[in-house]
Amino acid sequence: MRTRSPWLGLFALVALTSTASSTAKPEVGTKRNASAKCHGDTKLSLPPGFCATIFADRLGHARHLTVAPDGTVYVNTWSGRYYADASAPPPGGFVVALRDSDHDGRADIVKRIGPGVADGATGGTGIALYKDDLFVEADDRIVRYAISQSGLIENSPPDAVVTGLPLSGSHPMHPFAIDQAGTIFVNSGSPSNSCQKANRELESPGKMPCEELSTRAGIWRYDAKRTGQSFSPSERFVTGLRNAGGIAFTKDGRILAVQHGRDQLGQNWPKIYTDKQGAELPAEELLLLYDGADYGWPFCYFDPGLKKRILAPEYGGDGRKTGTCGSKQLPLASYPAHWAPNDLAVYSGSLFPSRYRDGLFIAFHGSWNRTPAPQDGYNIVFQPFRNGAPNGHYIIFADGFAGAFKEPGRAAFRPSGLAVGPDGALYVSEDSHGRIWRITYSGPESATLVAAKPAAIASPNRVPLASASPENLGSLPPGYTQAQIRLGQRIFTGQERGGTCSGCHGSDGRGTNVGPRLTGQGGWLWADGSTASIARVIRNGVSAPKKSASTMPADGGVTLSEPDRVALAGYIWTLGHPPQPKHSH
């Protein structure tokens, strides 16, 4: 007998928490909803006629989501070391079901499913519906919750469909998608940046062979109709994908994916690449997947200017050689470097204008590795698509998620997941604060594609908080000059020496999901707070982080002199010693 998911009964909950009928289903009629006046989230920028309303909020770190035919939205949330500096997630299970029973555009029923922090779980990213089942990434497994036709979900443990998913390294998330035949296509991202002997270290050569490829950096496939499957090298479908953030299917069954390109070409290989090239290479990619295909990582990357795969410097490349990369599969389309595509959705609805039909929405989580250029992404892109190929250039469909600061530590919201509802609305999740938006449209079906207006941001993203700038320091570290602190600030923000500090730790030093805070609050992890100890950590790096998600290479993976380290350590000291407010007498 099949087990059921831990849900006490969705419709019973409706009767207790809403005046709606316990058997009523949400309306999915598109035209009436589309013509309603929008009272949306005005902080987001969208093309004319589109409206974004807040469907749910403060759900935890909301990752991918899916929408059932009855309008119920399911979202997977995540915690663990990837969000080491974040506050504790909400109590209850990491899987969240949401329903708008009174049809006002906002979820009034919120139910948490499965294990939570109290059970030692950390949640996950991947989630999908197949027939009457909900499939969810839960720690190192993909599990199956059964949903009855009445909408009742009983309080029973889920079935384990796949176990043993790899969790080590930089990409422990497992987005997946399920096709109509019930094949699960699941990402296993690379644990490293480029399979170097010393990860992210200056001029460290690549491993040969790259052992990661046996269980990482590709797409694996499993059967949604079977339980008890174990992850192993034998189920690999494609290889050479550093990290596929989202997988989707076209209406004719083609398998598409978006992948995160590698980092730090400029910082790790300054004799080959300029800082500008490091910010603009390599491209993020939209890919067509087919059995046995090889997309080149770690040996190759895609250069959008040269329009070909280039041999990576770790394997003898010089920025122009192709070597064996000429035989690797090329992308269907490419996007700016380091924007970090986290999900992909094919628009299958009829609510949006006809030019959106069968096109692709891509959620970009946002960059950290574009210094000395400003960070970018933190948006939703629309890619026109027809007959299995891109049909024109992409547009930025939604902007403004990050607020004033487009950088990982200070962004207000970071797009993470996408799903199309049965009424044609587009749902967008974000994983900073757990918000979900519902985007609808009211206007002519024949409307042309128009990009959203760029959202206003604090320029130029490279300058830390004014209160921590040298001009506003209450005092200098012992023995330091303001000239040293200014140099340290320029290195920290990537304006000198190709520094990478602000990308991981935030331009205000308060930390991101990549690196911990440097303001000294909560205690230092590797230093005692003195400039000498901070300089020592910069010099040696951190190969085995205590709390953060990523390692720190020596000198941040760039070339620093000892005076540079001293200056940088002095500036970091100032981040933990802000000026005291002046009191008038």
Protein backbone atom coordinates (compact mmCIF):
# COMPACT_ATOMS: atom_id res chain seq x y z
CA MET A 1 0.00 0.00 0.00
CA ARG A 2 1.38 3.43 -0.96
CA THR A 3 2.34 5.80 1.83
CA ARG A 4 0.94 9.29 2.04
CA SER A 5 2.53 12.63 2.82
CA PRO A 6 2.50 14.31 6.25
CA TRP A 7 -0.45 16.63 5.68
CA LEU A 8 -3.35 16.70 8.09
CA GLY A 9 -5.84 17.31 5.31
CA LEU A 10 -5.78 20.38 3.12
CA PHE A 11 -9.51 20.84 2.88
CA ALA A 12 -10.02 20.27 6.58
CA LEU A 13 -7.56 23.09 7.12
CA VAL A 14 -9.54 25.30 4.75
CA ALA A 15 -12.63 24.80 6.89
CA LEU A 16 -10.73 25.81 10.01
CA THR A 17 -8.86 28.84 8.65
CA SER A 18 -11.05 30.26 5.90
CA THR A 19 -14.67 31.07 5.23
CA ALA A 20 -14.39 29.42 1.82
CA SER A 21 -16.09 26.10 1.22
CA SER A 22 -13.93 23.14 2.15
CA THR A 23 -14.47 21.61 -1.27
CA ALA A 24 -14.07 24.72 -3.41
CA LYS A 25 -11.13 24.89 -5.79
CA PRO A 26 -9.35 28.12 -6.79
CA GLU A 27 -10.59 29.72 -9.97
CA VAL A 28 -8.31 29.29 -12.92
CA GLY A 29 -10.23 31.51 -15.35
CA THR A 30 -7.64 33.80 -16.95
CA LYS A 31 -9.65 36.62 -18.52
CA ARG A 32 -11.52 37.84 -15.42
CA ASN A 33 -8.40 37.75 -13.27
CA ALA A 34 -6.36 39.42 -15.98
CA SER A 35 -8.74 42.37 -16.26
CA ALA A 36 -8.83 43.09 -12.53
CA LYS A 37 -7.14 46.28 -11.35
CA CYS A 38 -3.64 45.62 -10.09
CA HIS A 39 -2.54 46.67 -6.63
CA GLY A 40 0.87 45.12 -7.02
CA ASP A 41 4.40 45.33 -5.67
CA THR A 42 5.46 48.70 -7.09
CA LYS A 43 9.10 48.04 -6.19
CA LEU A 44 9.33 45.60 -9.10
CA SER A 45 9.70 46.85 -12.66
CA LEU A 46 7.71 44.98 -15.36
CA PRO A 47 6.66 45.60 -18.97
CA PRO A 48 3.40 47.55 -19.51
CA GLY A 49 0.26 45.62 -18.59
CA PHE A 50 1.96 43.20 -16.18
CA CYS A 51 1.31 43.18 -12.46
CA ALA A 52 3.25 41.45 -9.65
CA THR A 53 1.43 40.81 -6.38
CA ILE A 54 2.86 39.19 -3.27
CA PHE A 55 1.37 35.70 -3.11
CA ALA A 56 3.21 34.62 0.07
CA ASP A 57 5.99 35.93 2.27
CA ARG A 58 8.54 34.94 4.95
CA LEU A 59 8.51 31.26 4.06
CA GLY A 60 12.19 30.63 4.73
CA HIS A 61 14.73 30.28 1.95
CA ALA A 62 12.26 29.53 -0.85
CA ARG A 63 13.93 27.76 -3.76
CA HIS A 64 12.04 26.00 -6.58
CA LEU A 65 8.27 25.73 -6.79
CA THR A 66 5.54 24.00 -8.78
CA VAL A 67 1.81 24.57 -9.20
CA ALA A 68 -0.82 21.80 -9.22
CA PRO A 69 -3.80 21.80 -11.64
CA ASP A 70 -6.07 22.90 -8.78
CA GLY A 71 -3.90 25.98 -8.16
CA THR A 72 -2.09 24.75 -5.04
CA VAL A 73 1.48 26.06 -5.01
CA TYR A 74 4.22 23.86 -3.55
CA VAL A 75 7.63 25.34 -2.75
CA ASN A 76 10.78 23.70 -1.44
CA THR A 77 12.86 25.65 1.09
CA TRP A 78 16.44 25.18 2.16
CA SER A 79 18.73 25.86 5.08
CA GLY A 80 21.95 24.26 6.28
CA ARG A 81 25.43 25.59 5.68
CA TYR A 82 24.43 27.35 2.44
CA TYR A 83 22.69 29.92 4.64
CA ALA A 84 25.10 29.75 7.55
CA ASP A 85 24.70 33.37 8.63
CA ALA A 86 20.93 33.53 8.20
CA SER A 87 18.36 33.41 10.94
CA ALA A 88 16.68 30.10 11.76
CA PRO A 89 14.01 29.01 9.26
CA PRO A 90 10.35 28.95 10.28
CA PRO A 91 9.30 25.94 12.37
CA GLY A 92 7.82 22.92 10.63
CA GLY A 93 8.66 21.10 7.43
CA PHE A 94 10.78 22.54 4.65
CA VAL A 95 8.15 21.83 1.97
CA VAL A 96 5.37 24.43 1.96
CA ALA A 97 1.94 24.11 0.33
CA LEU A 98 -0.02 27.31 -0.33
CA ARG A 99 -3.54 27.93 -1.49
CA ASP A 100 -5.52 31.05 -2.32
CA SER A 101 -8.97 29.86 -1.24
CA ASP A 102 -10.66 33.27 -1.41
CA HIS A 103 -9.22 34.17 -4.83
CA ASP A 104 -7.69 37.48 -3.78
CA GLY A 105 -4.26 36.70 -5.25
CA ARG A 106 -2.62 35.90 -1.91
CA ALA A 107 -2.23 32.53 -0.18
CA ASP A 108 -4.46 32.36 2.87
CA ILE A 109 -3.69 28.68 3.59
CA VAL A 110 -0.06 27.82 4.37
CA LYS A 111 0.86 24.29 5.40
CA ARG A 112 4.34 22.89 6.05
CA ILE A 113 5.09 19.31 5.04
CA GLY A 114 7.77 16.81 6.03
CA PRO A 115 10.77 17.09 8.36
CA GLY A 116 12.18 20.39 9.59
CA VAL A 117 15.15 21.68 11.53
CA ALA A 118 13.96 19.94 14.69
CA ASP A 119 14.29 16.62 12.83
CA GLY A 120 17.85 17.37 11.70
CA ALA A 121 16.79 18.15 8.12
CA THR A 122 18.03 21.01 5.94
CA GLY A 123 15.52 20.94 3.06
CA GLY A 124 16.46 21.35 -0.58
CA THR A 125 15.87 23.01 -3.94
CA GLY A 126 14.23 20.56 -6.38
CA ILE A 127 10.47 19.99 -6.51
CA ALA A 128 8.09 18.68 -9.19
CA LEU A 129 4.66 17.13 -9.71
CA TYR A 130 4.12 13.91 -11.62
CA LYS A 131 0.62 12.47 -11.94
CA ASP A 132 -0.80 12.43 -8.38
CA ASP A 133 2.55 12.69 -6.61
CA LEU A 134 4.74 15.49 -5.33
CA PHE A 135 8.49 14.86 -5.65
CA VAL A 136 10.86 16.81 -3.41
CA GLU A 137 14.60 17.07 -2.87
CA ALA A 138 15.13 16.49 0.85
CA ASP A 139 18.76 16.57 1.98
CA ASP A 140 20.49 13.78 -0.02
CA ARG A 141 17.27 12.21 -1.34
CA ILE A 142 14.40 12.71 -3.72
CA VAL A 143 11.22 11.64 -1.96
CA ARG A 144 7.63 11.18 -3.14
CA TYR A 145 4.48 12.40 -1.41
CA ALA A 146 1.18 11.01 -2.68
CA ILE A 147 -1.70 13.45 -3.25
CA SER A 148 -5.19 11.98 -3.42
CA GLN A 149 -7.74 13.10 -6.01
CA SER A 150 -9.77 14.79 -3.29
CA GLY A 151 -6.80 16.95 -2.33
CA LEU A 152 -6.29 15.18 0.99
CA ILE A 153 -2.71 14.40 1.93
CA GLU A 154 -2.44 12.03 4.84
CA ASN A 155 0.07 12.21 7.65
CA SER A 156 2.50 9.45 6.64
CA PRO A 157 6.21 9.34 5.71
CA PRO A 158 7.12 9.78 2.03
CA ASP A 159 8.63 7.15 -0.25
CA ALA A 160 12.38 7.44 -0.98
CA VAL A 161 12.77 7.48 -4.76
CA VAL A 162 16.50 8.29 -5.04
CA THR A 163 19.04 8.26 -2.20
CA GLY A 164 22.70 9.18 -1.86
CA LEU A 165 22.75 12.47 -3.78
CA PRO A 166 26.18 14.19 -3.37
CA LEU A 167 26.17 17.12 -0.94
CA SER A 168 29.82 18.18 -0.71
CA GLY A 169 31.46 21.29 -2.12
CA SER A 170 30.13 24.45 -3.70
CA HIS A 171 26.98 23.15 -5.41
CA PRO A 172 25.02 20.84 -3.07
CA MET A 173 21.64 21.71 -4.62
CA HIS A 174 19.73 19.25 -6.86
CA PRO A 175 17.21 20.90 -9.17
CA PHE A 176 15.27 18.33 -11.18
CA ALA A 177 12.41 17.97 -13.64
CA ILE A 178 10.17 15.03 -14.62
CA ASP A 179 9.01 14.43 -18.19
CA GLN A 180 5.66 12.98 -19.28
CA ALA A 181 7.10 9.44 -19.34
CA GLY A 182 8.14 9.74 -15.69
CA THR A 183 11.89 10.17 -16.18
CA ILE A 184 13.52 12.32 -13.50
CA PHE A 185 16.38 14.47 -14.78
CA VAL A 186 18.40 15.67 -11.77
CA ASN A 187 21.36 18.01 -11.56
CA SER A 188 24.52 17.12 -9.65
CA GLY A 189 26.63 20.28 -9.66
CA SER A 190 30.41 20.41 -9.41
CA PRO A 191 31.94 20.70 -5.93
CA SER A 192 34.67 23.03 -7.23
CA ASN A 193 35.02 26.04 -9.50
CA SER A 194 37.16 24.50 -12.25
CA CYS A 195 38.56 21.19 -10.92
CA GLN A 196 41.89 22.75 -9.91
CA LYS A 197 44.39 20.93 -7.76
CA ALA A 198 43.87 23.78 -5.26
CA ASN A 199 40.32 25.12 -5.66
CA ARG A 200 40.17 28.81 -6.67
CA GLU A 201 43.90 29.30 -6.00
CA LEU A 202 46.10 31.53 -8.14
CA GLU A 203 47.33 29.68 -11.26
CA SER A 204 46.61 26.24 -9.81
CA PRO A 205 46.47 23.71 -12.69
CA GLY A 206 43.50 21.50 -13.37
CA LYS A 207 43.32 17.88 -12.29
CA MET A 208 43.77 15.28 -14.99
CA PRO A 209 41.67 13.26 -14.92
CA CYS A 210 38.97 15.34 -13.22
CA GLU A 211 37.53 12.72 -10.87
CA GLU A 212 34.52 14.94 -10.09
CA LEU A 213 33.01 14.12 -13.46
CA SER A 214 32.10 10.58 -12.39
CA THR A 215 29.45 11.82 -9.92
CA ARG A 216 29.24 15.60 -10.43
CA ALA A 217 28.95 18.31 -13.10
CA GLY A 218 26.17 16.69 -15.09
CA ILE A 219 22.56 15.53 -15.27
CA TRP A 220 21.48 12.11 -14.01
CA ARG A 221 18.23 10.30 -14.80
CA TYR A 222 15.95 8.06 -12.72
CA ASP A 223 12.46 6.57 -12.88
CA ALA A 224 9.72 8.46 -11.00
CA LYS A 225 7.65 5.27 -10.86
CA ARG A 226 10.26 3.35 -8.84
CA THR A 227 11.47 3.65 -5.28
CA GLY A 228 14.75 2.59 -3.71
CA GLN A 229 17.05 3.87 -6.45
CA SER A 230 20.59 4.86 -5.44
CA PHE A 231 22.68 7.61 -6.98
CA SER A 232 25.70 6.25 -8.88
CA PRO A 233 27.87 7.09 -11.91
CA SER A 234 25.94 4.68 -14.12
CA GLU A 235 22.80 6.85 -14.37
CA ARG A 236 24.58 9.89 -15.82
CA PHE A 237 22.70 11.42 -18.78
CA VAL A 238 25.03 14.28 -19.80
CA THR A 239 28.40 15.55 -18.56
CA GLY A 240 30.39 18.79 -18.54
CA LEU A 241 27.74 20.97 -16.87
CA ARG A 242 29.28 22.90 -13.97
CA ASN A 243 25.91 23.47 -12.29
CA ALA A 244 22.51 23.32 -14.01
CA GLY A 245 20.27 25.70 -12.07
CA GLY A 246 17.05 24.77 -13.86
CA ILE A 247 15.72 22.09 -16.21
CA ALA A 248 12.53 22.29 -18.31
CA PHE A 249 10.78 20.66 -21.26
CA THR A 250 9.41 22.24 -24.43
CA LYS A 251 5.94 21.23 -25.61
CA ASP A 252 7.53 18.83 -28.13
CA GLY A 253 9.64 17.13 -25.45
CA ARG A 254 13.02 18.79 -25.87
CA ILE A 255 15.04 19.00 -22.64
CA LEU A 256 16.50 22.41 -21.82
CA ALA A 257 18.76 23.54 -18.99
CA VAL A 258 20.53 26.68 -17.83
CA GLN A 259 23.95 26.49 -16.25
CA HIS A 260 26.21 28.65 -14.08
CA GLY A 261 29.51 29.35 -15.79
CA ARG A 262 32.78 29.18 -13.89
CA ASP A 263 34.29 32.05 -11.85
CA GLN A 264 37.58 33.87 -11.41
CA LEU A 265 39.24 33.77 -14.81
CA GLY A 266 40.68 37.23 -14.16
CA GLN A 267 41.55 36.75 -10.51
CA ASN A 268 43.14 33.29 -10.82
CA TRP A 269 44.85 33.91 -14.18
CA PRO A 270 45.86 37.62 -14.28
CA LYS A 271 48.64 36.99 -16.83
CA ILE A 272 46.03 35.85 -19.35
CA TYR A 273 42.85 37.81 -18.55
CA THR A 274 42.23 41.46 -17.68
CA ASP A 275 39.88 42.43 -14.85
CA LYS A 276 37.30 43.38 -17.47
CA GLN A 277 37.53 39.95 -19.09
CA GLY A 278 37.20 38.34 -15.68
CA ALA A 279 33.96 40.24 -15.12
CA GLU A 280 32.53 39.44 -18.56
CA LEU A 281 33.64 35.81 -19.04
CA PRO A 282 32.40 33.19 -19.37
CA ALA A 283 28.77 33.45 -20.47
CA GLU A 284 25.87 31.85 -18.66
CA GLU A 285 24.23 29.30 -20.98
CA LEU A 286 20.93 27.92 -22.20
CA LEU A 287 21.50 24.35 -23.37
CA LEU A 288 19.72 21.60 -25.25
CA LEU A 289 20.28 18.28 -23.46
CA TYR A 290 20.53 14.92 -25.17
CA ASP A 291 21.83 11.54 -24.08
CA GLY A 292 25.61 11.38 -23.87
CA ALA A 293 26.28 15.05 -24.65
CA ASP A 294 29.38 16.77 -23.26
CA TYR A 295 29.30 20.53 -22.60
CA GLY A 296 32.97 20.88 -21.76
CA TRP A 297 33.40 21.74 -18.07
CA PRO A 298 36.04 21.92 -16.60
CA PHE A 299 38.19 21.82 -19.73
CA CYS A 300 36.24 24.47 -21.66
CA TYR A 301 34.10 27.57 -21.22
CA PHE A 302 31.93 29.54 -23.65
CA ASP A 303 33.17 32.94 -24.88
CA PRO A 304 30.16 34.90 -26.24
CA GLY A 305 32.38 37.31 -28.20
CA LEU A 306 34.29 34.57 -29.97
CA LYS A 307 31.11 32.44 -30.12
CA LYS A 308 32.95 29.24 -29.32
CA ARG A 309 34.16 27.09 -26.48
CA ILE A 310 37.65 28.06 -25.31
CA LEU A 311 40.22 25.86 -23.61
CA ALA A 312 40.35 26.69 -19.88
CA PRO A 313 43.63 28.11 -18.54
CA GLU A 314 43.83 25.29 -15.97
CA TYR A 315 44.29 22.94 -18.94
CA GLY A 316 46.71 24.99 -21.03
CA GLY A 317 44.41 27.60 -22.52
CA ASP A 318 45.53 31.14 -23.34
CA GLY A 319 42.15 32.84 -23.76
CA ARG A 320 41.84 32.00 -27.47
CA LYS A 321 42.83 28.35 -28.02
CA THR A 322 39.99 25.91 -28.56
CA GLY A 323 41.98 22.67 -28.30
CA THR A 324 39.58 19.75 -27.85
CA CYS A 325 36.75 22.16 -27.01
CA GLY A 326 35.71 22.41 -30.64
CA SER A 327 33.93 19.06 -30.27
CA LYS A 328 31.88 20.07 -27.22
CA GLN A 329 28.19 20.98 -27.46
CA LEU A 330 27.52 24.72 -27.92
CA PRO A 331 24.74 26.60 -26.09
CA LEU A 332 21.48 27.59 -27.74
CA ALA A 333 21.82 31.08 -26.24
CA SER A 334 24.07 32.89 -23.79
CA TYR A 335 23.64 35.57 -21.12
CA PRO A 336 25.96 37.91 -19.19
CA ALA A 337 28.64 36.36 -17.04
CA HIS A 338 28.04 35.49 -13.39
CA TRP A 339 24.33 36.40 -13.36
CA ALA A 340 23.70 32.89 -11.95
CA PRO A 341 20.62 31.34 -13.63
CA ASN A 342 18.73 29.48 -10.90
CA ASP A 343 15.62 28.27 -12.71
CA LEU A 344 13.97 27.93 -16.09
CA ALA A 345 10.27 27.77 -17.04
CA VAL A 346 8.59 27.31 -20.41
CA TYR A 347 5.57 29.61 -20.71
CA SER A 348 2.69 27.24 -21.49
CA GLY A 349 -0.17 29.56 -20.50
CA SER A 350 -2.47 31.82 -22.49
CA LEU A 351 -2.79 34.75 -20.08
CA PHE A 352 0.27 36.63 -21.35
CA PRO A 353 0.47 38.16 -24.86
CA SER A 354 0.84 35.68 -27.71
CA ARG A 355 4.51 36.58 -28.22
CA TYR A 356 5.27 34.94 -24.86
CA ARG A 357 3.76 31.62 -25.92
CA ASP A 358 6.27 28.74 -25.63
CA GLY A 359 9.02 31.19 -24.64
CA LEU A 360 11.37 30.78 -21.69
CA PHE A 361 11.58 32.63 -18.39
CA ILE A 362 14.94 32.46 -16.59
CA ALA A 363 15.44 33.48 -12.95
CA PHE A 364 18.87 35.00 -12.32
CA HIS A 365 19.97 34.76 -8.69
CA GLY A 366 22.58 37.52 -9.14
CA SER A 367 26.35 37.81 -9.36
CA TRP A 368 29.19 38.07 -6.87
CA ASN A 369 32.17 37.76 -9.23
CA ARG A 370 31.87 40.79 -11.55
CA THR A 371 34.31 43.06 -9.72
CA PRO A 372 35.63 45.60 -10.58
CA ALA A 373 32.42 46.02 -12.60
CA PRO A 374 29.19 46.43 -10.61
CA GLN A 375 27.38 43.21 -9.72
CA ASP A 376 24.37 42.41 -11.87
CA GLY A 377 21.53 39.98 -12.54
CA TYR A 378 18.96 39.70 -9.72
CA ASN A 379 16.23 39.70 -12.37
CA ILE A 380 13.92 37.62 -14.56
CA VAL A 381 14.75 37.34 -18.25
CA PHE A 382 12.38 36.32 -21.04
CA GLN A 383 13.88 34.44 -23.98
CA PRO A 384 11.63 34.16 -27.08
CA PHE A 385 11.69 30.56 -28.28
CA ARG A 386 10.13 28.74 -31.21
CA ASN A 387 10.62 25.44 -33.03
CA GLY A 388 13.31 24.29 -30.63
CA ALA A 389 15.51 27.38 -30.85
CA PRO A 390 15.74 30.95 -29.55
CA ASN A 391 13.63 33.33 -31.64
CA GLY A 392 15.26 36.71 -31.05
CA HIS A 393 17.23 38.39 -28.28
CA TYR A 394 16.22 38.13 -24.64
CA ILE A 395 14.63 40.97 -22.68
CA ILE A 396 14.79 41.73 -18.97
CA PHE A 397 11.22 40.97 -17.98
CA ALA A 398 11.33 41.79 -14.27
CA ASP A 399 13.80 43.90 -12.32
CA GLY A 400 13.98 45.55 -8.92
CA PHE A 401 14.22 42.43 -6.76
CA ALA A 402 17.57 43.45 -5.26
CA GLY A 403 16.45 46.92 -4.21
CA ALA A 404 19.21 49.48 -3.81
CA PHE A 405 22.11 47.01 -3.88
CA LYS A 406 22.73 44.40 -6.54
CA GLU A 407 25.08 42.24 -4.53
CA PRO A 408 24.50 38.96 -2.68
CA GLY A 409 24.85 40.21 0.88
CA ARG A 410 22.70 43.33 0.57
CA ALA A 411 20.13 42.40 -2.06
CA ALA A 412 16.59 42.66 -0.72
CA PHE A 413 15.46 39.63 -2.74
CA ARG A 414 17.21 37.11 -5.00
CA PRO A 415 15.08 35.29 -7.64
CA SER A 416 15.33 31.53 -7.28
CA GLY A 417 12.34 29.62 -8.71
CA LEU A 418 9.74 29.89 -11.48
CA ALA A 419 6.46 28.12 -12.24
CA VAL A 420 3.47 28.73 -14.49
CA GLY A 421 0.04 28.29 -12.90
CA PRO A 422 -3.01 26.71 -14.55
CA ASP A 423 -4.47 30.19 -15.09
CA GLY A 424 -1.31 31.35 -16.93
CA ALA A 425 0.09 33.41 -14.04
CA LEU A 426 3.84 33.27 -13.48
CA TYR A 427 5.03 32.53 -9.94
CA VAL A 428 8.49 33.71 -8.82
CA SER A 429 10.18 32.64 -5.57
CA GLU A 430 13.22 34.16 -3.89
CA ASP A 431 15.49 32.72 -1.22
CA SER A 432 16.62 35.68 0.88
CA HIS A 433 13.39 36.16 2.81
CA GLY A 434 11.04 33.59 1.31
CA ARG A 435 8.74 35.72 -0.82
CA ILE A 436 6.64 34.46 -3.74
CA TRP A 437 5.20 36.83 -6.35
CA ARG A 438 2.33 36.10 -8.72
CA ILE A 439 2.64 37.93 -12.04
CA THR A 440 -0.47 38.48 -14.17
CA TYR A 441 -1.29 40.49 -17.28
CA SER A 442 -4.09 42.82 -18.37
CA GLY A 443 -3.83 44.17 -21.88
CA PRO A 444 -3.97 43.31 -25.58
CA GLU A 445 -2.93 39.81 -26.59
CA SER A 446 -1.02 41.28 -29.54
CA ALA A 447 1.32 43.36 -27.36
CA THR A 448 4.95 43.38 -28.45
CA LEU A 449 7.87 42.36 -26.25
CA VAL A 450 9.02 45.34 -24.20
CA ALA A 451 11.74 45.16 -21.57
CA ALA A 452 11.12 46.33 -18.04
CA LYS A 453 12.60 49.69 -17.13
CA PRO A 454 15.90 49.27 -15.26
CA ALA A 455 15.36 49.48 -11.53
CA ALA A 456 17.15 52.20 -9.61
CA ILE A 457 20.15 50.98 -7.62
CA ALA A 458 22.77 52.57 -5.41
CA SER A 459 25.70 53.40 -7.69
CA PRO A 460 28.20 51.94 -8.24
CA ASN A 461 27.65 48.96 -5.89
CA ARG A 462 31.35 48.89 -5.10
CA VAL A 463 31.27 51.44 -2.29
CA PRO A 464 30.62 50.12 1.23
CA LEU A 465 28.42 51.81 3.79
CA ALA A 466 29.37 55.45 4.30
CA SER A 467 29.71 54.86 8.03
CA ALA A 468 32.59 52.48 7.34
CA SER A 469 34.41 54.68 4.81
CA PRO A 470 37.78 56.15 5.75
CA GLU A 471 36.43 59.69 5.85
CA ASN A 472 34.02 58.70 8.64
CA LEU A 473 36.26 56.51 10.76
CA GLY A 474 36.19 57.13 14.46
CA SER A 475 39.80 55.96 14.74
CA LEU A 476 42.47 54.18 12.74
CA PRO A 477 43.93 50.80 13.63
CA PRO A 478 47.10 51.21 15.65
CA GLY A 479 49.99 52.20 13.40
CA TYR A 480 47.90 52.79 10.27
CA THR A 481 47.51 55.80 7.99
CA GLN A 482 44.38 56.80 6.12
CA ALA A 483 46.23 56.12 2.85
CA GLN A 484 46.61 52.47 3.87
CA ILE A 485 42.94 52.21 4.78
CA ARG A 486 41.92 53.70 1.42
CA LEU A 487 44.11 51.15 -0.38
CA GLY A 488 42.57 48.37 1.69
CA GLN A 489 39.10 49.60 0.80
CA ARG A 490 39.93 49.61 -2.92
CA ILE A 491 41.30 46.05 -2.71
CA PHE A 492 38.27 44.90 -0.71
CA THR A 493 35.83 46.30 -3.27
CA GLY A 494 37.75 45.02 -6.30
CA GLN A 495 38.98 48.39 -7.53
CA GLU A 496 42.62 47.40 -6.96
CA ARG A 497 44.50 44.10 -7.47
CA GLY A 498 41.32 42.36 -8.68
CA GLY A 499 40.21 41.88 -5.08
CA THR A 500 37.31 39.47 -4.53
CA CYS A 501 36.51 40.23 -0.87
CA SER A 502 33.24 42.13 -1.30
CA GLY A 503 31.83 39.48 -3.62
CA CYS A 504 31.90 36.88 -0.84
CA HIS A 505 31.61 39.02 2.28
CA GLY A 506 29.41 41.86 0.97
CA SER A 507 30.52 45.42 0.32
CA ASP A 508 29.48 46.27 3.89
CA GLY A 509 31.35 43.27 5.32
CA ARG A 510 28.18 41.81 6.77
CA GLY A 511 28.46 38.51 4.93
CA THR A 512 26.59 36.62 2.24
CA ASN A 513 25.64 33.00 1.68
CA VAL A 514 29.15 32.58 0.23
CA GLY A 515 31.24 34.10 3.03
CA PRO A 516 30.72 35.07 6.70
CA ARG A 517 30.45 38.58 8.13
CA LEU A 518 33.68 40.46 8.83
CA THR A 519 32.35 43.02 11.27
CA GLY A 520 33.42 40.96 14.27
CA GLN A 521 29.87 40.56 15.54
CA GLY A 522 29.39 37.12 16.99
CA GLY A 523 33.14 36.55 17.30
CA TRP A 524 35.93 35.95 14.81
CA LEU A 525 36.17 32.44 13.35
CA TRP A 526 39.85 32.37 12.38
CA ALA A 527 41.35 35.58 13.80
CA ASP A 528 41.37 37.32 17.16
CA GLY A 529 40.31 40.67 15.70
CA SER A 530 43.80 42.15 15.49
CA THR A 531 45.13 43.39 12.16
CA ALA A 532 48.03 40.93 12.37
CA SER A 533 45.70 37.95 12.74
CA ILE A 534 43.43 39.18 9.94
CA ALA A 535 46.46 39.59 7.64
CA ARG A 536 47.51 36.03 8.49
CA VAL A 537 44.10 34.64 7.46
CA ILE A 538 44.25 36.62 4.20
CA ARG A 539 47.73 35.22 3.50
CA ASN A 540 46.88 31.58 4.27
CA GLY A 541 43.25 31.39 3.18
CA VAL A 542 40.65 29.04 4.68
CA SER A 543 40.57 25.54 3.23
CA ALA A 544 38.04 24.04 5.67
CA PRO A 545 35.45 26.65 6.66
CA LYS A 546 33.75 26.25 10.01
CA LYS A 547 30.39 27.74 9.05
CA SER A 548 30.36 29.28 5.56
CA ALA A 549 29.45 27.48 2.34
CA SER A 550 32.73 28.09 0.49
CA THR A 551 36.46 27.95 1.06
CA MET A 552 38.64 31.05 0.80
CA PRO A 553 41.81 30.71 -1.29
CA ALA A 554 45.00 32.38 -0.14
CA ASP A 555 44.79 36.13 -0.86
CA GLY A 556 41.28 35.56 -2.20
CA GLY A 557 42.75 33.88 -5.25
CA VAL A 558 44.59 37.01 -6.49
CA THR A 559 48.10 38.42 -6.29
CA LEU A 560 48.69 40.48 -3.14
CA SER A 561 51.92 41.79 -1.66
CA GLU A 562 52.52 41.90 2.06
CA PRO A 563 51.80 45.69 2.16
CA ASP A 564 48.52 44.92 0.32
CA ARG A 565 47.57 42.37 2.96
CA VAL A 566 48.41 44.79 5.75
CA ALA A 567 46.28 47.51 4.14
CA LEU A 568 43.40 45.11 3.55
CA ALA A 569 43.57 43.82 7.12
CA GLY A 570 43.43 47.41 8.37
CA TYR A 571 40.34 48.16 6.34
CA ILE A 572 38.61 44.98 7.54
CA TRP A 573 39.46 46.07 11.11
CA THR A 574 37.55 49.33 10.48
CA LEU A 575 34.45 47.36 9.46
CA GLY A 576 34.30 46.02 12.99
CA HIS A 577 35.00 49.43 14.55
CA PRO A 578 32.44 51.85 13.10
CA PRO A 579 32.52 55.47 14.33
CA GLN A 580 30.58 56.21 17.47
CA PRO A 581 27.66 58.62 17.05
CA LYS A 582 28.53 62.18 17.96
CA HIS A 583 26.55 63.63 20.87
CA SER A 584 25.74 67.30 21.01
CA HIS A 585 26.20 69.13 24.29
